[in-house]
Amino acid sequence: MKKQHNRNNDNQLIIEVLHAMQPKIKKSLQNTSFQEQEDLKQEIYIKVIHAVKTRRIQPLTLWEFKEKFDKKAYQKN
């Protein structure tokens, strides 16, 4: 049961990460020839999925998010 729960969490995280990265991926693909864009997009998706499944990408806790947000706000000033 726990393994199924982890798999569902991973799948949800993959969807969220890919959705969040979509604008950056799309912009980056503009630097590639049209014929290669779809292949490159698939490769990027594979890398993101692998990163989530190997726990190299994990959701931030509320405190980690706040810390990063505060640091960015401080750097802007």
C-alpha atoms as a PDB file:
ATOM      1  CA  MET A   1       0.000   0.000   0.000  1.00  0.00           C
ATOM      2  CA  LYS A   2       2.786   2.446   0.914  1.00  0.00           C
ATOM      3  CA  LYS A   3       4.609   1.727  -2.359  1.00  0.00           C
ATOM      4  CA  GLN A   4       1.441   2.576  -4.302  1.00  0.00           C
ATOM      5  CA  HIS A   5       1.080   5.801  -2.306  1.00  0.00           C
ATOM      6  CA  ASN A   6       4.699   6.779  -3.102  1.00  0.00           C
ATOM      7  CA  ARG A   7       4.150   6.025  -6.784  1.00  0.00           C
ATOM      8  CA  ASN A   8       1.049   8.239  -6.820  1.00  0.00           C
ATOM      9  CA  ASN A   9       3.000  11.018  -5.103  1.00  0.00           C
ATOM     10  CA  ASP A  10       5.818  10.648  -7.654  1.00  0.00           C
ATOM     11  CA  ASN A  11       3.369  10.816 -10.539  1.00  0.00           C
ATOM     12  CA  GLN A  12       1.714  13.920  -9.112  1.00  0.00           C
ATOM     13  CA  LEU A  13       5.110  15.538  -8.521  1.00  0.00           C
ATOM     14  CA  ILE A  14       6.191  14.718 -12.097  1.00  0.00           C
ATOM     15  CA  ILE A  15       3.054  16.396 -13.445  1.00  0.00           C
ATOM     16  CA  GLU A  16       3.594  19.459 -11.254  1.00  0.00           C
ATOM     17  CA  VAL A  17       7.283  19.788 -12.163  1.00  0.00           C
ATOM     18  CA  LEU A  18       6.665  19.385 -15.889  1.00  0.00           C
ATOM     19  CA  HIS A  19       3.831  21.916 -15.718  1.00  0.00           C
ATOM     20  CA  ALA A  20       5.996  24.412 -13.830  1.00  0.00           C
ATOM     21  CA  MET A  21       8.899  23.957 -16.239  1.00  0.00           C
ATOM     22  CA  GLN A  22       6.766  24.157 -19.388  1.00  0.00           C
ATOM     23  CA  PRO A  23       7.447  27.855 -20.160  1.00  0.00           C
ATOM     24  CA  LYS A  24      11.212  27.408 -19.705  1.00  0.00           C
ATOM     25  CA  ILE A  25      11.252  24.237 -21.803  1.00  0.00           C
ATOM     26  CA  LYS A  26       9.246  25.926 -24.554  1.00  0.00           C
ATOM     27  CA  LYS A  27      11.548  28.951 -24.581  1.00  0.00           C
ATOM     28  CA  SER A  28      14.668  26.766 -24.637  1.00  0.00           C
ATOM     29  CA  LEU A  29      13.331  24.734 -27.549  1.00  0.00           C
ATOM     30  CA  GLN A  30      13.163  27.892 -29.657  1.00  0.00           C
ATOM     31  CA  ASN A  31      16.971  27.768 -29.776  1.00  0.00           C
ATOM     32  CA  THR A  32      16.784  24.404 -31.558  1.00  0.00           C
ATOM     33  CA  SER A  33      15.870  23.612 -35.137  1.00  0.00           C
ATOM     34  CA  PHE A  34      12.189  22.847 -35.636  1.00  0.00           C
ATOM     35  CA  GLN A  35      12.937  19.267 -36.741  1.00  0.00           C
ATOM     36  CA  GLU A  36      14.751  18.487 -33.471  1.00  0.00           C
ATOM     37  CA  GLN A  37      12.418  20.232 -31.030  1.00  0.00           C
ATOM     38  CA  GLU A  38      10.082  17.288 -30.368  1.00  0.00           C
ATOM     39  CA  ASP A  39      12.965  14.868 -29.773  1.00  0.00           C
ATOM     40  CA  LEU A  40      14.659  17.312 -27.425  1.00  0.00           C
ATOM     41  CA  LYS A  41      11.408  17.952 -25.551  1.00  0.00           C
ATOM     42  CA  GLN A  42      10.990  14.209 -25.002  1.00  0.00           C
ATOM     43  CA  GLU A  43      14.580  13.943 -23.756  1.00  0.00           C
ATOM     44  CA  ILE A  44      13.989  16.782 -21.295  1.00  0.00           C
ATOM     45  CA  TYR A  45      10.815  15.090 -20.047  1.00  0.00           C
ATOM     46  CA  ILE A  46      12.709  11.822 -19.572  1.00  0.00           C
ATOM     47  CA  LYS A  47      15.422  13.613 -17.577  1.00  0.00           C
ATOM     48  CA  VAL A  48      12.841  15.330 -15.360  1.00  0.00           C
ATOM     49  CA  ILE A  49      10.973  12.069 -14.745  1.00  0.00           C
ATOM     50  CA  HIS A  50      14.232  10.316 -13.877  1.00  0.00           C
ATOM     51  CA  ALA A  51      15.207  13.142 -11.518  1.00  0.00           C
ATOM     52  CA  VAL A  52      11.899  12.871  -9.662  1.00  0.00           C
ATOM     53  CA  LYS A  53      12.028   9.087  -9.436  1.00  0.00           C
ATOM     54  CA  THR A  54      15.614   9.106  -8.133  1.00  0.00           C
ATOM     55  CA  ARG A  55      14.665  11.818  -5.627  1.00  0.00           C
ATOM     56  CA  ARG A  56      16.922  14.487  -7.100  1.00  0.00           C
ATOM     57  CA  ILE A  57      13.821  16.684  -7.312  1.00  0.00           C
ATOM     58  CA  GLN A  58      11.570  16.804  -4.285  1.00  0.00           C
ATOM     59  CA  PRO A  59       8.869  19.222  -3.235  1.00  0.00           C
ATOM     60  CA  LEU A  60       9.942  21.975  -0.878  1.00  0.00           C
ATOM     61  CA  THR A  61       8.596  22.110   2.625  1.00  0.00           C
ATOM     62  CA  LEU A  62       6.849  25.311   3.616  1.00  0.00           C
ATOM     63  CA  TRP A  63       9.934  26.446   5.541  1.00  0.00           C
ATOM     64  CA  GLU A  64      12.300  25.709   2.651  1.00  0.00           C
ATOM     65  CA  PHE A  65      10.048  27.682   0.322  1.00  0.00           C
ATOM     66  CA  LYS A  66       9.884  30.607   2.758  1.00  0.00           C
ATOM     67  CA  GLU A  67      13.659  30.580   3.163  1.00  0.00           C
ATOM     68  CA  LYS A  68      14.235  30.661  -0.607  1.00  0.00           C
ATOM     69  CA  PHE A  69      11.567  33.331  -1.072  1.00  0.00           C
ATOM     70  CA  ASP A  70      13.074  35.514   1.648  1.00  0.00           C
ATOM     71  CA  LYS A  71      16.561  35.100   0.194  1.00  0.00           C
ATOM     72  CA  LYS A  72      15.371  36.184  -3.279  1.00  0.00           C
ATOM     73  CA  ALA A  73      13.506  39.167  -1.829  1.00  0.00           C
ATOM     74  CA  TYR A  74      16.608  40.195   0.105  1.00  0.00           C
ATOM     75  CA  GLN A  75      18.818  39.924  -3.001  1.00  0.00           C
ATOM     76  CA  LYS A  76      16.490  42.220  -4.970  1.00  0.00           C
ATOM     77  CA  ASN A  77      16.955  45.005  -2.423  1.00  0.00           C
END
